[in-house]
């Protein structure tokens, strides 16, 4: 199989890239990047692109499974138009191009609270991209909704670091229906994304954070 990965420089994306490169089911991993990565591997292929001109690279987006780990924050991208490009438009444009070229499955990292009817811009954007993605006729679509991510970031987020430290104390107290609010390791999300891409399933699947953790625990 051949994988297409966008967002390989993010916390989940970096873990997923290593998992894909180490998995014998994938013979090639194509990553879409703004700047060439220092990572070298015989299975790795890098496509340096201008995301504002995605259609110029449509012929190159050929693979069996597409993994989208794109995402930004309000502090990183305060302009809502730019934010929408990254969290909404790019994932959908890539989806349609890859589908047209024969891709069978699409794996999107969304977020807990995604809701296209939400009054909160972040949650609404995540909900809208999920809704639109479901119209692309892939054989299977997997949407992952992790809670607070626990993992190394390329850019330090002080508030998130403090919250993650606090969550280490709170996590064991969150039981039953509250389990989905536990923080989750980025490695767990990446591991489940890889595993789900190897399942011969048809349909649209939503994976809440507690389910992702449960699946990760048995892998």
C-alpha atoms as a PDB file:
ATOM      1  CA  UNK A   1       0.000   0.000   0.000  1.00  0.00           C
ATOM      2  CA  UNK A   2       0.943   3.630  -0.415  1.00  0.00           C
ATOM      3  CA  UNK A   3       0.132   6.319   2.160  1.00  0.00           C
ATOM      4  CA  UNK A   4      -0.328  10.048   1.724  1.00  0.00           C
ATOM      5  CA  UNK A   5       0.298  12.064   4.872  1.00  0.00           C
ATOM      6  CA  UNK A   6      -0.306  15.767   5.335  1.00  0.00           C
ATOM      7  CA  UNK A   7       0.598  17.426   8.620  1.00  0.00           C
ATOM      8  CA  UNK A   8       3.696  15.277   9.215  1.00  0.00           C
ATOM      9  CA  UNK A   9       5.407  18.021  11.232  1.00  0.00           C
ATOM     10  CA  UNK A  10       2.702  18.131  13.927  1.00  0.00           C
ATOM     11  CA  UNK A  11       2.604  16.120  17.146  1.00  0.00           C
ATOM     12  CA  UNK A  12       0.372  13.317  15.823  1.00  0.00           C
ATOM     13  CA  UNK A  13       1.783  13.534  12.307  1.00  0.00           C
ATOM     14  CA  UNK A  14       5.367  12.937  13.435  1.00  0.00           C
ATOM     15  CA  UNK A  15       4.368   9.799  15.340  1.00  0.00           C
ATOM     16  CA  UNK A  16       2.202   8.548  12.507  1.00  0.00           C
ATOM     17  CA  UNK A  17       4.987   9.078   9.980  1.00  0.00           C
ATOM     18  CA  UNK A  18       7.347   6.862  11.955  1.00  0.00           C
ATOM     19  CA  UNK A  19       4.636   4.219  12.393  1.00  0.00           C
ATOM     20  CA  UNK A  20       3.919   4.194   8.651  1.00  0.00           C
ATOM     21  CA  UNK A  21       7.598   3.948   7.758  1.00  0.00           C
ATOM     22  CA  UNK A  22       8.024   1.045  10.172  1.00  0.00           C
ATOM     23  CA  UNK A  23       4.968  -0.863   8.945  1.00  0.00           C
ATOM     24  CA  UNK A  24       5.559  -3.503   6.287  1.00  0.00           C
ATOM     25  CA  UNK A  25       2.056  -3.041   4.839  1.00  0.00           C
ATOM     26  CA  UNK A  26       3.127   0.295   3.389  1.00  0.00           C
ATOM     27  CA  UNK A  27       5.756   0.311   0.665  1.00  0.00           C
ATOM     28  CA  UNK A  28       5.770   4.100   0.217  1.00  0.00           C
ATOM     29  CA  UNK A  29       4.829   7.102   2.336  1.00  0.00           C
ATOM     30  CA  UNK A  30       4.300  10.412   0.555  1.00  0.00           C
ATOM     31  CA  UNK A  31       4.316  13.491   2.786  1.00  0.00           C
ATOM     32  CA  UNK A  32       3.147  16.926   1.670  1.00  0.00           C
ATOM     33  CA  UNK A  33       5.395  19.591   3.175  1.00  0.00           C
ATOM     34  CA  UNK A  34       6.097  23.297   2.889  1.00  0.00           C
ATOM     35  CA  UNK A  35       9.804  22.682   3.486  1.00  0.00           C
ATOM     36  CA  UNK A  36      11.833  19.528   3.011  1.00  0.00           C
ATOM     37  CA  UNK A  37      12.151  17.439   6.156  1.00  0.00           C
ATOM     38  CA  UNK A  38      15.503  16.177   7.426  1.00  0.00           C
ATOM     39  CA  UNK A  39      14.052  12.686   7.825  1.00  0.00           C
ATOM     40  CA  UNK A  40      15.507  10.139   5.443  1.00  0.00           C
ATOM     41  CA  UNK A  41      14.085   6.684   4.788  1.00  0.00           C
ATOM     42  CA  UNK A  42      13.974   4.448   1.702  1.00  0.00           C
ATOM     43  CA  UNK A  43      10.158   4.394   1.819  1.00  0.00           C
ATOM     44  CA  UNK A  44       9.757   8.147   2.303  1.00  0.00           C
ATOM     45  CA  UNK A  45       8.869  10.449  -0.566  1.00  0.00           C
ATOM     46  CA  UNK A  46       8.566  14.184   0.049  1.00  0.00           C
ATOM     47  CA  UNK A  47       6.525  16.587  -2.054  1.00  0.00           C
ATOM     48  CA  UNK A  48       7.345  20.224  -1.290  1.00  0.00           C
ATOM     49  CA  UNK A  49       4.287  22.261  -2.177  1.00  0.00           C
ATOM     50  CA  UNK A  50       2.624  25.651  -1.973  1.00  0.00           C
ATOM     51  CA  UNK A  51      -0.640  24.818  -0.199  1.00  0.00           C
ATOM     52  CA  UNK A  52      -2.279  27.846  -1.786  1.00  0.00           C
ATOM     53  CA  UNK A  53      -1.754  26.143  -5.165  1.00  0.00           C
ATOM     54  CA  UNK A  54      -2.770  22.605  -4.264  1.00  0.00           C
ATOM     55  CA  UNK A  55      -4.369  21.949  -7.643  1.00  0.00           C
ATOM     56  CA  UNK A  56      -0.916  22.216  -9.256  1.00  0.00           C
ATOM     57  CA  UNK A  57       0.050  18.976  -7.486  1.00  0.00           C
ATOM     58  CA  UNK A  58      -3.166  17.004  -7.916  1.00  0.00           C
ATOM     59  CA  UNK A  59      -1.567  14.454 -10.271  1.00  0.00           C
ATOM     60  CA  UNK A  60       0.986  13.585  -7.566  1.00  0.00           C
ATOM     61  CA  UNK A  61      -1.575  12.785  -4.865  1.00  0.00           C
ATOM     62  CA  UNK A  62      -1.778   9.077  -5.560  1.00  0.00           C
ATOM     63  CA  UNK A  63      -2.090   6.549  -2.769  1.00  0.00           C
ATOM     64  CA  UNK A  64      -4.336   4.027  -1.069  1.00  0.00           C
ATOM     65  CA  UNK A  65      -4.860   5.759   2.283  1.00  0.00           C
ATOM     66  CA  UNK A  66      -4.814   9.470   3.088  1.00  0.00           C
ATOM     67  CA  UNK A  67      -3.964  10.723   6.569  1.00  0.00           C
ATOM     68  CA  UNK A  68      -4.726  14.355   7.410  1.00  0.00           C
ATOM     69  CA  UNK A  69      -3.184  15.692  10.609  1.00  0.00           C
ATOM     70  CA  UNK A  70      -3.405  19.354   9.638  1.00  0.00           C
ATOM     71  CA  UNK A  71      -4.402  21.853  12.284  1.00  0.00           C
ATOM     72  CA  UNK A  72      -3.581  25.221  13.737  1.00  0.00           C
ATOM     73  CA  UNK A  73      -4.530  27.387  16.710  1.00  0.00           C
ATOM     74  CA  UNK A  74      -5.950  30.863  17.158  1.00  0.00           C
ATOM     75  CA  UNK A  75      -2.607  32.098  18.515  1.00  0.00           C
ATOM     76  CA  UNK A  76      -0.692  30.675  15.557  1.00  0.00           C
ATOM     77  CA  UNK A  77      -3.250  31.820  12.976  1.00  0.00           C
ATOM     78  CA  UNK A  78      -5.344  34.730  14.281  1.00  0.00           C
ATOM     79  CA  UNK A  79      -6.736  35.526  10.823  1.00  0.00           C
ATOM     80  CA  UNK A  80      -9.923  33.455  10.486  1.00  0.00           C
ATOM     81  CA  UNK A  81      -9.622  33.270   6.690  1.00  0.00           C
ATOM     82  CA  UNK A  82      -6.166  31.718   6.974  1.00  0.00           C
ATOM     83  CA  UNK A  83      -7.396  29.471   9.784  1.00  0.00           C
ATOM     84  CA  UNK A  84     -10.199  28.165   7.552  1.00  0.00           C
ATOM     85  CA  UNK A  85      -7.724  27.392   4.781  1.00  0.00           C
ATOM     86  CA  UNK A  86      -5.675  25.156   7.058  1.00  0.00           C
ATOM     87  CA  UNK A  87      -8.417  23.462   9.067  1.00  0.00           C
ATOM     88  CA  UNK A  88     -11.142  23.330   6.428  1.00  0.00           C
ATOM     89  CA  UNK A  89     -10.177  23.978   2.803  1.00  0.00           C
ATOM     90  CA  UNK A  90      -6.867  22.114   2.547  1.00  0.00           C
ATOM     91  CA  UNK A  91      -8.184  18.860   4.052  1.00  0.00           C
ATOM     92  CA  UNK A  92     -11.173  18.862   1.688  1.00  0.00           C
ATOM     93  CA  UNK A  93      -9.178  19.785  -1.423  1.00  0.00           C
ATOM     94  CA  UNK A  94      -6.699  16.994  -0.689  1.00  0.00           C
ATOM     95  CA  UNK A  95      -9.564  14.571  -0.111  1.00  0.00           C
ATOM     96  CA  UNK A  96     -11.148  15.189  -3.498  1.00  0.00           C
ATOM     97  CA  UNK A  97      -7.843  15.095  -5.374  1.00  0.00           C
ATOM     98  CA  UNK A  98      -6.730  11.860  -3.728  1.00  0.00           C
ATOM     99  CA  UNK A  99     -10.143  10.262  -4.252  1.00  0.00           C
ATOM    100  CA  UNK A 100     -10.073  11.190  -7.941  1.00  0.00           C
ATOM    101  CA  UNK A 101      -6.689   9.463  -8.164  1.00  0.00           C
ATOM    102  CA  UNK A 102      -8.005   6.249  -6.628  1.00  0.00           C
ATOM    103  CA  UNK A 103      -7.511   6.569  -2.852  1.00  0.00           C
ATOM    104  CA  UNK A 104      -9.738   4.201  -0.864  1.00  0.00           C
ATOM    105  CA  UNK A 105      -9.696   5.621   2.667  1.00  0.00           C
ATOM    106  CA  UNK A 106      -9.321   8.971   4.404  1.00  0.00           C
ATOM    107  CA  UNK A 107      -8.282   9.477   8.019  1.00  0.00           C
ATOM    108  CA  UNK A 108      -8.922  12.899   9.545  1.00  0.00           C
ATOM    109  CA  UNK A 109      -7.743  14.185  12.903  1.00  0.00           C
ATOM    110  CA  UNK A 110     -10.620  16.331  14.127  1.00  0.00           C
ATOM    111  CA  UNK A 111     -11.320  17.279  17.744  1.00  0.00           C
ATOM    112  CA  UNK A 112     -13.609  16.564  20.646  1.00  0.00           C
ATOM    113  CA  UNK A 113     -16.553  18.935  20.478  1.00  0.00           C
ATOM    114  CA  UNK A 114     -16.625  19.142  16.678  1.00  0.00           C
ATOM    115  CA  UNK A 115     -20.091  20.421  15.764  1.00  0.00           C
ATOM    116  CA  UNK A 116     -21.039  22.321  12.617  1.00  0.00           C
ATOM    117  CA  UNK A 117     -23.826  24.066  14.574  1.00  0.00           C
ATOM    118  CA  UNK A 118     -21.582  25.190  17.424  1.00  0.00           C
ATOM    119  CA  UNK A 119     -21.402  28.873  18.328  1.00  0.00           C
ATOM    120  CA  UNK A 120     -17.657  28.447  18.872  1.00  0.00           C
ATOM    121  CA  UNK A 121     -15.571  29.050  15.754  1.00  0.00           C
ATOM    122  CA  UNK A 122     -13.068  26.232  16.438  1.00  0.00           C
ATOM    123  CA  UNK A 123     -15.705  23.549  17.110  1.00  0.00           C
ATOM    124  CA  UNK A 124     -17.861  24.766  14.232  1.00  0.00           C
ATOM    125  CA  UNK A 125     -14.959  24.630  11.774  1.00  0.00           C
ATOM    126  CA  UNK A 126     -14.088  21.083  12.826  1.00  0.00           C
ATOM    127  CA  UNK A 127     -17.743  20.077  12.491  1.00  0.00           C
ATOM    128  CA  UNK A 128     -18.054  21.646   9.064  1.00  0.00           C
ATOM    129  CA  UNK A 129     -15.008  19.894   7.640  1.00  0.00           C
ATOM    130  CA  UNK A 130     -16.283  16.581   9.029  1.00  0.00           C
ATOM    131  CA  UNK A 131     -19.672  17.152   7.406  1.00  0.00           C
ATOM    132  CA  UNK A 132     -18.205  18.046   4.009  1.00  0.00           C
ATOM    133  CA  UNK A 133     -15.707  15.196   4.107  1.00  0.00           C
ATOM    134  CA  UNK A 134     -18.570  12.717   4.403  1.00  0.00           C
ATOM    135  CA  UNK A 135     -19.726  13.728   0.904  1.00  0.00           C
ATOM    136  CA  UNK A 136     -16.507  12.414  -0.674  1.00  0.00           C
ATOM    137  CA  UNK A 137     -17.305   8.816  -1.726  1.00  0.00           C
ATOM    138  CA  UNK A 138     -14.278   7.066  -0.256  1.00  0.00           C
ATOM    139  CA  UNK A 139     -14.665   3.378   0.548  1.00  0.00           C
ATOM    140  CA  UNK A 140     -14.064   4.344   4.174  1.00  0.00           C
ATOM    141  CA  UNK A 141     -13.713   7.572   6.141  1.00  0.00           C
ATOM    142  CA  UNK A 142     -12.348   7.584   9.677  1.00  0.00           C
ATOM    143  CA  UNK A 143     -12.704  10.694  11.827  1.00  0.00           C
ATOM    144  CA  UNK A 144     -10.713  10.838  15.063  1.00  0.00           C
ATOM    145  CA  UNK A 145     -11.830  13.166  17.858  1.00  0.00           C
ATOM    146  CA  UNK A 146      -9.068  13.170  20.487  1.00  0.00           C
ATOM    147  CA  UNK A 147      -9.331  15.169  23.682  1.00  0.00           C
ATOM    148  CA  UNK A 148      -6.385  17.174  25.035  1.00  0.00           C
ATOM    149  CA  UNK A 149      -3.261  15.833  23.340  1.00  0.00           C
ATOM    150  CA  UNK A 150      -0.348  14.757  25.482  1.00  0.00           C
ATOM    151  CA  UNK A 151       2.902  14.849  23.526  1.00  0.00           C
ATOM    152  CA  UNK A 152       5.885  16.865  22.407  1.00  0.00           C
ATOM    153  CA  UNK A 153       5.148  19.903  20.286  1.00  0.00           C
ATOM    154  CA  UNK A 154       7.456  21.621  17.839  1.00  0.00           C
ATOM    155  CA  UNK A 155       6.163  24.883  19.303  1.00  0.00           C
ATOM    156  CA  UNK A 156       5.843  25.160  23.066  1.00  0.00           C
ATOM    157  CA  UNK A 157       2.364  25.885  24.419  1.00  0.00           C
ATOM    158  CA  UNK A 158       2.734  26.872  28.053  1.00  0.00           C
ATOM    159  CA  UNK A 159      -0.958  26.700  28.918  1.00  0.00           C
ATOM    160  CA  UNK A 160      -1.300  23.266  27.344  1.00  0.00           C
ATOM    161  CA  UNK A 161       1.768  21.991  29.222  1.00  0.00           C
ATOM    162  CA  UNK A 162       0.304  23.126  32.537  1.00  0.00           C
ATOM    163  CA  UNK A 163      -3.069  21.585  31.696  1.00  0.00           C
ATOM    164  CA  UNK A 164      -1.459  18.289  30.707  1.00  0.00           C
ATOM    165  CA  UNK A 165       0.366  18.156  34.032  1.00  0.00           C
ATOM    166  CA  UNK A 166      -2.925  18.759  35.806  1.00  0.00           C
ATOM    167  CA  UNK A 167      -4.665  16.098  33.727  1.00  0.00           C
ATOM    168  CA  UNK A 168      -2.207  13.458  34.927  1.00  0.00           C
ATOM    169  CA  UNK A 169      -3.840  13.883  38.335  1.00  0.00           C
ATOM    170  CA  UNK A 170      -7.389  14.190  37.052  1.00  0.00           C
ATOM    171  CA  UNK A 171      -7.405  11.402  34.444  1.00  0.00           C
ATOM    172  CA  UNK A 172      -7.860   8.513  36.911  1.00  0.00           C
ATOM    173  CA  UNK A 173     -10.892  10.282  38.388  1.00  0.00           C
ATOM    174  CA  UNK A 174     -12.702  10.490  35.059  1.00  0.00           C
ATOM    175  CA  UNK A 175     -14.771   7.326  34.821  1.00  0.00           C
ATOM    176  CA  UNK A 176     -17.692   6.060  32.759  1.00  0.00           C
ATOM    177  CA  UNK A 177     -19.003   8.633  30.294  1.00  0.00           C
ATOM    178  CA  UNK A 178     -16.344  11.065  31.540  1.00  0.00           C
ATOM    179  CA  UNK A 179     -13.497   8.921  30.198  1.00  0.00           C
ATOM    180  CA  UNK A 180     -13.610  10.702  26.853  1.00  0.00           C
ATOM    181  CA  UNK A 181     -12.325  13.843  28.590  1.00  0.00           C
ATOM    182  CA  UNK A 182      -9.089  12.194  29.682  1.00  0.00           C
ATOM    183  CA  UNK A 183      -5.985  13.522  27.934  1.00  0.00           C
ATOM    184  CA  UNK A 184      -4.542  11.147  25.363  1.00  0.00           C
ATOM    185  CA  UNK A 185      -1.030  10.426  24.141  1.00  0.00           C
ATOM    186  CA  UNK A 186      -0.300  11.444  20.560  1.00  0.00           C
ATOM    187  CA  UNK A 187       1.328   8.031  20.107  1.00  0.00           C
ATOM    188  CA  UNK A 188      -2.009   6.367  20.920  1.00  0.00           C
ATOM    189  CA  UNK A 189      -3.869   8.371  18.280  1.00  0.00           C
ATOM    190  CA  UNK A 190      -1.232   7.648  15.625  1.00  0.00           C
ATOM    191  CA  UNK A 191      -1.196   3.919  16.428  1.00  0.00           C
ATOM    192  CA  UNK A 192      -4.963   3.640  16.046  1.00  0.00           C
ATOM    193  CA  UNK A 193      -4.971   5.613  12.787  1.00  0.00           C
ATOM    194  CA  UNK A 194      -2.481   3.178  11.299  1.00  0.00           C
ATOM    195  CA  UNK A 195      -4.410   0.149  12.553  1.00  0.00           C
ATOM    196  CA  UNK A 196      -7.731   1.416  11.184  1.00  0.00           C
ATOM    197  CA  UNK A 197      -6.170   2.023   7.778  1.00  0.00           C
ATOM    198  CA  UNK A 198      -5.353  -1.692   7.583  1.00  0.00           C
ATOM    199  CA  UNK A 199      -8.945  -2.783   8.259  1.00  0.00           C
ATOM    200  CA  UNK A 200     -10.982  -3.628   5.186  1.00  0.00           C
ATOM    201  CA  UNK A 201     -14.029  -1.655   6.281  1.00  0.00           C
ATOM    202  CA  UNK A 202     -16.655   0.250   4.361  1.00  0.00           C
ATOM    203  CA  UNK A 203     -18.460   3.294   5.707  1.00  0.00           C
ATOM    204  CA  UNK A 204     -17.940   6.350   7.872  1.00  0.00           C
ATOM    205  CA  UNK A 205     -16.505   5.860  11.339  1.00  0.00           C
ATOM    206  CA  UNK A 206     -16.300   8.398  14.180  1.00  0.00           C
ATOM    207  CA  UNK A 207     -13.739   7.617  16.876  1.00  0.00           C
ATOM    208  CA  UNK A 208     -14.189   9.568  20.148  1.00  0.00           C
ATOM    209  CA  UNK A 209     -11.198   9.927  22.423  1.00  0.00           C
ATOM    210  CA  UNK A 210     -12.094   7.164  24.880  1.00  0.00           C
ATOM    211  CA  UNK A 211     -12.623   4.731  22.005  1.00  0.00           C
ATOM    212  CA  UNK A 212      -9.249   5.683  20.518  1.00  0.00           C
ATOM    213  CA  UNK A 213      -7.636   4.956  23.887  1.00  0.00           C
ATOM    214  CA  UNK A 214      -9.446   1.640  24.196  1.00  0.00           C
ATOM    215  CA  UNK A 215      -8.348   0.549  20.729  1.00  0.00           C
ATOM    216  CA  UNK A 216      -4.787   1.664  21.428  1.00  0.00           C
ATOM    217  CA  UNK A 217      -4.670  -0.376  24.628  1.00  0.00           C
ATOM    218  CA  UNK A 218      -5.368  -3.629  22.783  1.00  0.00           C
ATOM    219  CA  UNK A 219      -2.990  -3.053  19.878  1.00  0.00           C
END
